[in-house]
């Protein structure tokens, strides 16, 4: 995700990326981050899902569904399973 953020930024794209945590987070923090990610999707013009090897986790699946429901264009770094 960091590489995609860097590459898009250097290409002149304003990147609104999900937050990252290097340590375990509490359930309350997870709920807050999940809500924040949806607000970031609201701000975005389009969504790029960074999914190496085609992997998409539970949270990302919810965010993709939300982006789709709000009409955001969605693309994937690894579209092999999409």
Protein backbone atom coordinates (compact mmCIF):
# COMPACT_ATOMS: atom_id res chain seq x y z
CA UNK A 1 0.00 0.00 0.00
CA UNK A 2 2.86 2.36 0.79
CA UNK A 3 4.38 1.84 -2.67
CA UNK A 4 1.06 2.58 -4.39
CA UNK A 5 0.65 5.70 -2.21
CA UNK A 6 4.17 6.88 -3.13
CA UNK A 7 3.79 6.17 -6.85
CA UNK A 8 0.42 7.90 -7.11
CA UNK A 9 1.63 10.88 -5.07
CA UNK A 10 4.65 11.34 -7.36
CA UNK A 11 2.28 11.09 -10.33
CA UNK A 12 0.42 14.11 -8.97
CA UNK A 13 -2.56 12.28 -7.49
CA UNK A 14 -3.94 13.33 -4.12
CA UNK A 15 -4.02 10.11 -2.10
CA UNK A 16 -6.46 9.60 0.76
CA UNK A 17 -5.22 6.33 2.25
CA UNK A 18 -6.45 4.18 5.12
CA UNK A 19 -4.74 4.60 8.46
CA UNK A 20 -2.15 2.06 9.52
CA UNK A 21 -1.32 0.69 12.95
CA UNK A 22 1.90 -1.16 13.77
CA UNK A 23 0.50 -2.60 16.99
CA UNK A 24 -2.70 -4.33 18.08
CA UNK A 25 -5.64 -1.97 18.36
CA UNK A 26 -8.66 -2.08 20.60
CA UNK A 27 -12.13 -2.93 19.34
CA UNK A 28 -13.13 0.70 19.87
CA UNK A 29 -10.18 1.87 17.76
CA UNK A 30 -11.11 -0.63 15.02
CA UNK A 31 -14.69 0.67 14.96
CA UNK A 32 -13.41 4.26 14.74
CA UNK A 33 -10.95 3.41 11.95
CA UNK A 34 -13.62 1.54 9.99
CA UNK A 35 -15.91 4.59 10.16
CA UNK A 36 -13.05 6.91 9.22
CA UNK A 37 -12.20 4.79 6.17
CA UNK A 38 -15.79 5.16 4.94
CA UNK A 39 -15.55 8.95 5.30
CA UNK A 40 -12.31 8.85 3.29
CA UNK A 41 -14.17 6.93 0.57
CA UNK A 42 -16.76 9.73 0.59
CA UNK A 43 -13.95 12.22 -0.14
CA UNK A 44 -12.38 10.16 -2.91
CA UNK A 45 -13.03 10.48 -6.64
CA UNK A 46 -12.09 6.84 -7.21
CA UNK A 47 -10.91 3.84 -5.22
CA UNK A 48 -7.77 1.77 -5.78
CA UNK A 49 -7.79 -1.50 -3.84
CA UNK A 50 -4.25 -2.70 -3.13
CA UNK A 51 -4.71 -6.48 -3.14
CA UNK A 52 -1.46 -8.33 -3.76
CA UNK A 53 -2.13 -11.84 -4.99
CA UNK A 54 -5.83 -11.00 -5.24
CA UNK A 55 -6.33 -11.10 -1.45
CA UNK A 56 -9.17 -8.99 -0.06
CA UNK A 57 -9.94 -9.11 3.65
CA UNK A 58 -13.21 -8.62 5.49
CA UNK A 59 -12.80 -4.89 6.18
CA UNK A 60 -11.71 -4.19 2.63
CA UNK A 61 -14.70 -6.15 1.31
CA UNK A 62 -17.03 -3.91 3.33
CA UNK A 63 -15.25 -0.81 2.04
CA UNK A 64 -15.52 -2.03 -1.56
CA UNK A 65 -19.26 -2.63 -1.10
CA UNK A 66 -19.63 0.87 0.37
CA UNK A 67 -17.67 2.45 -2.49
CA UNK A 68 -19.75 0.55 -5.03
CA UNK A 69 -23.00 1.63 -3.32
CA UNK A 70 -21.89 5.27 -3.45
CA UNK A 71 -21.01 5.03 -7.14
CA UNK A 72 -17.22 5.37 -6.80
CA UNK A 73 -15.15 3.84 -9.61
CA UNK A 74 -13.11 0.94 -8.19
CA UNK A 75 -9.93 -0.61 -9.57
CA UNK A 76 -7.59 -3.24 -8.17
CA UNK A 77 -3.81 -3.60 -8.23
CA UNK A 78 -4.29 -7.34 -8.81
CA UNK A 79 -7.53 -7.84 -10.74
CA UNK A 80 -6.95 -11.58 -11.24
CA UNK A 81 -9.96 -12.61 -9.11
CA UNK A 82 -12.17 -9.56 -9.69
